[in-house]
């Protein structure tokens, strides 16, 4: 009984590197394209609220106190 075993495919073959699934690559490509497209649309549209300023203090030094002065004075001015 001369049974010969087929040669192992791992013997002498270079080890395979793990490859990410094609769906992951497609998703990342789609994500990058959507980012670039949204950035381009935003650059063309310009600022959303051009007159809007940061959260700095208001003129007169009141800051963001609103009606807090009225509460301290009892509402009388």
N, C-alpha and C. Protein backbone atom coordinates (compact mmCIF):
# COMPACT_ATOMS: atom_id res chain seq x y z
N UNK A 1 0.83 -1.17 0.00
CA UNK A 1 0.00 0.00 0.00
C UNK A 1 0.87 1.23 0.00
N UNK A 2 0.93 1.73 -1.11
CA UNK A 2 1.74 2.92 -1.26
C UNK A 2 0.81 4.12 -1.35
N UNK A 3 0.56 4.76 -0.21
CA UNK A 3 -0.30 5.94 -0.19
C UNK A 3 0.58 7.17 -0.09
N UNK A 4 0.49 7.96 -1.08
CA UNK A 4 1.26 9.21 -1.03
C UNK A 4 0.32 10.36 -0.67
N UNK A 5 0.78 11.17 0.20
CA UNK A 5 -0.01 12.33 0.64
C UNK A 5 0.26 13.50 -0.29
N UNK A 6 -0.77 14.25 -0.61
CA UNK A 6 -0.52 15.45 -1.43
C UNK A 6 0.32 16.45 -0.63
N UNK A 7 1.18 17.16 -1.30
CA UNK A 7 2.01 18.13 -0.57
C UNK A 7 1.14 19.22 0.05
N UNK A 8 1.54 19.62 1.22
CA UNK A 8 0.81 20.67 1.94
C UNK A 8 0.99 22.00 1.22
N UNK A 9 -0.09 22.75 1.12
CA UNK A 9 0.01 24.05 0.44
C UNK A 9 0.78 25.06 1.27
N UNK A 10 0.87 24.83 2.58
CA UNK A 10 1.58 25.77 3.45
C UNK A 10 3.08 25.53 3.40
N UNK A 11 3.48 24.36 2.97
CA UNK A 11 4.91 24.06 2.93
C UNK A 11 5.54 24.79 1.76
N UNK A 12 6.45 25.69 2.05
CA UNK A 12 7.17 26.40 1.02
C UNK A 12 6.43 27.61 0.47
N UNK A 13 5.22 27.83 0.87
CA UNK A 13 4.47 29.00 0.39
C UNK A 13 4.67 30.16 1.35
N UNK A 14 4.65 31.34 0.82
CA UNK A 14 4.82 32.54 1.65
C UNK A 14 3.54 32.75 2.45
N UNK A 15 3.66 33.17 3.70
CA UNK A 15 2.45 33.41 4.51
C UNK A 15 1.65 34.58 3.94
N UNK A 16 0.32 34.43 3.94
CA UNK A 16 -0.56 35.47 3.41
C UNK A 16 -0.76 36.56 4.44
N UNK A 17 -0.78 37.79 3.97
CA UNK A 17 -1.06 38.92 4.86
C UNK A 17 -2.57 39.05 4.98
N UNK A 18 -3.05 39.45 6.15
CA UNK A 18 -4.50 39.67 6.28
C UNK A 18 -4.91 40.88 5.43
N UNK A 19 -5.97 40.72 4.67
CA UNK A 19 -6.47 41.78 3.80
C UNK A 19 -7.82 42.24 4.33
N UNK A 20 -8.04 43.57 4.43
CA UNK A 20 -9.35 44.04 4.91
C UNK A 20 -10.44 43.66 3.91
N UNK A 21 -11.63 43.44 4.39
CA UNK A 21 -12.73 43.07 3.49
C UNK A 21 -13.05 44.21 2.51
N UNK A 22 -13.45 43.87 1.30
CA UNK A 22 -13.76 44.90 0.30
C UNK A 22 -14.86 45.87 0.75
N UNK A 23 -15.82 45.38 1.55
CA UNK A 23 -16.89 46.26 2.01
C UNK A 23 -16.32 47.36 2.91
N UNK A 24 -15.33 47.05 3.72
CA UNK A 24 -14.71 48.06 4.58
C UNK A 24 -13.98 49.09 3.74
N UNK A 25 -13.26 48.64 2.74
CA UNK A 25 -12.54 49.58 1.86
C UNK A 25 -13.53 50.48 1.12
N UNK A 26 -14.63 49.90 0.65
CA UNK A 26 -15.65 50.70 -0.03
C UNK A 26 -16.29 51.71 0.88
N UNK A 27 -16.56 51.31 2.13
CA UNK A 27 -17.15 52.24 3.10
C UNK A 27 -16.20 53.39 3.39
N UNK A 28 -14.92 53.10 3.58
CA UNK A 28 -13.96 54.17 3.88
C UNK A 28 -13.80 55.10 2.69
N UNK A 29 -13.83 54.56 1.48
CA UNK A 29 -13.76 55.39 0.29
C UNK A 29 -14.99 56.29 0.19
N UNK A 30 -16.17 55.73 0.44
CA UNK A 30 -17.40 56.52 0.41
C UNK A 30 -17.37 57.60 1.48
N UNK A 31 -16.87 57.29 2.66
CA UNK A 31 -16.76 58.27 3.74
C UNK A 31 -15.85 59.42 3.34
N UNK A 32 -14.72 59.12 2.72
CA UNK A 32 -13.79 60.16 2.28
C UNK A 32 -14.41 61.03 1.19
N UNK A 33 -15.12 60.42 0.25
CA UNK A 33 -15.76 61.18 -0.83
C UNK A 33 -16.83 62.10 -0.26
N UNK A 34 -17.61 61.60 0.70
CA UNK A 34 -18.66 62.44 1.30
C UNK A 34 -18.05 63.60 2.08
N UNK A 35 -16.94 63.37 2.76
CA UNK A 35 -16.28 64.45 3.49
C UNK A 35 -15.79 65.53 2.54
N UNK A 36 -15.15 65.13 1.46
CA UNK A 36 -14.64 66.10 0.49
C UNK A 36 -15.80 66.87 -0.14
N UNK A 37 -16.88 66.18 -0.48
CA UNK A 37 -18.03 66.84 -1.09
C UNK A 37 -18.67 67.83 -0.13
N UNK A 38 -18.84 67.47 1.13
CA UNK A 38 -19.46 68.38 2.09
C UNK A 38 -18.55 69.58 2.37
N UNK A 39 -17.25 69.36 2.39
CA UNK A 39 -16.32 70.47 2.58
C UNK A 39 -16.40 71.45 1.40
N UNK A 40 -16.49 70.91 0.18
CA UNK A 40 -16.57 71.76 -1.00
C UNK A 40 -17.88 72.55 -1.01
N UNK A 41 -18.99 71.92 -0.65
CA UNK A 41 -20.27 72.63 -0.60
C UNK A 41 -20.23 73.72 0.47
N UNK A 42 -19.64 73.44 1.61
CA UNK A 42 -19.52 74.45 2.66
C UNK A 42 -18.64 75.62 2.26
N UNK A 43 -17.58 75.33 1.50
CA UNK A 43 -16.70 76.40 1.05
C UNK A 43 -17.41 77.30 0.03
N UNK A 44 -18.25 76.70 -0.81
CA UNK A 44 -18.99 77.48 -1.80
C UNK A 44 -20.10 78.29 -1.13
N UNK A 45 -20.78 77.70 -0.15
CA UNK A 45 -21.90 78.37 0.50
C UNK A 45 -21.44 79.53 1.38
N UNK A 46 -20.28 79.45 1.92
CA UNK A 46 -19.77 80.52 2.78
C UNK A 46 -20.29 80.38 4.20
N UNK A 47 -20.06 81.40 5.03
CA UNK A 47 -20.50 81.32 6.41
C UNK A 47 -22.03 81.27 6.52
N UNK A 48 -22.51 80.54 7.48
CA UNK A 48 -23.95 80.39 7.66
C UNK A 48 -24.55 81.66 8.24
N UNK A 49 -23.92 82.23 9.24
CA UNK A 49 -24.41 83.44 9.89
C UNK A 49 -23.27 84.45 9.93
N UNK A 50 -23.11 85.27 8.89
CA UNK A 50 -21.97 86.18 8.84
C UNK A 50 -21.93 87.20 9.96
N UNK A 51 -23.07 87.62 10.51
CA UNK A 51 -23.08 88.63 11.56
C UNK A 51 -22.91 88.05 12.94
N UNK A 52 -22.80 86.76 13.05
CA UNK A 52 -22.70 86.11 14.35
C UNK A 52 -21.28 86.23 14.90
N UNK A 53 -21.19 86.56 16.17
CA UNK A 53 -19.88 86.72 16.80
C UNK A 53 -19.70 85.65 17.87
N UNK A 54 -18.52 85.58 18.40
CA UNK A 54 -18.22 84.60 19.43
C UNK A 54 -18.93 84.91 20.74
N UNK A 55 -18.52 84.24 21.79
CA UNK A 55 -19.16 84.40 23.09
C UNK A 55 -18.44 85.42 23.96
N UNK A 56 -17.85 86.41 23.33
CA UNK A 56 -17.17 87.46 24.08
C UNK A 56 -18.15 88.31 24.88
N UNK A 57 -17.63 89.28 25.61
CA UNK A 57 -18.52 90.13 26.42
C UNK A 57 -19.23 91.13 25.54
N UNK A 58 -20.41 91.49 25.95
CA UNK A 58 -21.22 92.47 25.21
C UNK A 58 -20.70 93.87 25.52
N UNK A 59 -21.01 94.85 24.67
CA UNK A 59 -20.59 96.22 24.96
C UNK A 59 -21.17 96.70 26.29
N UNK A 60 -20.39 97.39 27.04
CA UNK A 60 -20.83 97.88 28.35
C UNK A 60 -20.39 96.95 29.47
N UNK A 61 -19.78 95.86 29.16
CA UNK A 61 -19.27 94.95 30.18
C UNK A 61 -20.31 94.11 30.85
N UNK A 62 -21.54 94.07 30.33
CA UNK A 62 -22.59 93.28 30.97
C UNK A 62 -22.40 91.79 30.73
N UNK A 63 -21.65 91.44 29.72
CA UNK A 63 -21.45 90.03 29.44
C UNK A 63 -22.73 89.38 28.97
N UNK A 64 -23.01 88.21 29.46
CA UNK A 64 -24.22 87.49 29.08
C UNK A 64 -25.20 87.48 30.24
N UNK A 65 -25.31 88.57 30.94
CA UNK A 65 -26.15 88.62 32.13
C UNK A 65 -27.62 88.76 31.80
N UNK A 66 -27.96 89.31 30.64
CA UNK A 66 -29.36 89.44 30.25
C UNK A 66 -30.13 90.29 31.24
N UNK A 67 -31.18 89.75 31.84
CA UNK A 67 -32.02 90.48 32.79
C UNK A 67 -31.61 90.25 34.23
N UNK A 68 -30.44 89.78 34.48
CA UNK A 68 -30.01 89.52 35.85
C UNK A 68 -29.93 90.82 36.65
N UNK A 69 -29.65 91.94 36.01
CA UNK A 69 -29.60 93.22 36.72
C UNK A 69 -30.98 93.56 37.27
N UNK A 70 -32.03 93.27 36.51
CA UNK A 70 -33.39 93.54 36.98
C UNK A 70 -33.73 92.68 38.18
N UNK A 71 -33.24 91.49 38.23
CA UNK A 71 -33.56 90.60 39.37
C UNK A 71 -32.89 91.13 40.64
N UNK A 72 -31.68 91.65 40.53
CA UNK A 72 -30.99 92.18 41.69
C UNK A 72 -31.66 93.43 42.21
N UNK A 73 -32.14 94.27 41.30
CA UNK A 73 -32.78 95.53 41.68
C UNK A 73 -34.24 95.35 42.06
N UNK A 74 -34.73 94.17 42.00
CA UNK A 74 -36.13 93.93 42.29
C UNK A 74 -37.04 94.27 41.11
N UNK A 75 -36.48 94.40 39.94
CA UNK A 75 -37.26 94.69 38.75
C UNK A 75 -37.51 96.16 38.53
N UNK A 76 -37.09 97.04 39.43
CA UNK A 76 -37.33 98.48 39.28
C UNK A 76 -36.10 99.11 38.65
N UNK A 77 -36.34 99.93 37.66
CA UNK A 77 -35.24 100.67 37.03
C UNK A 77 -35.58 102.10 36.97
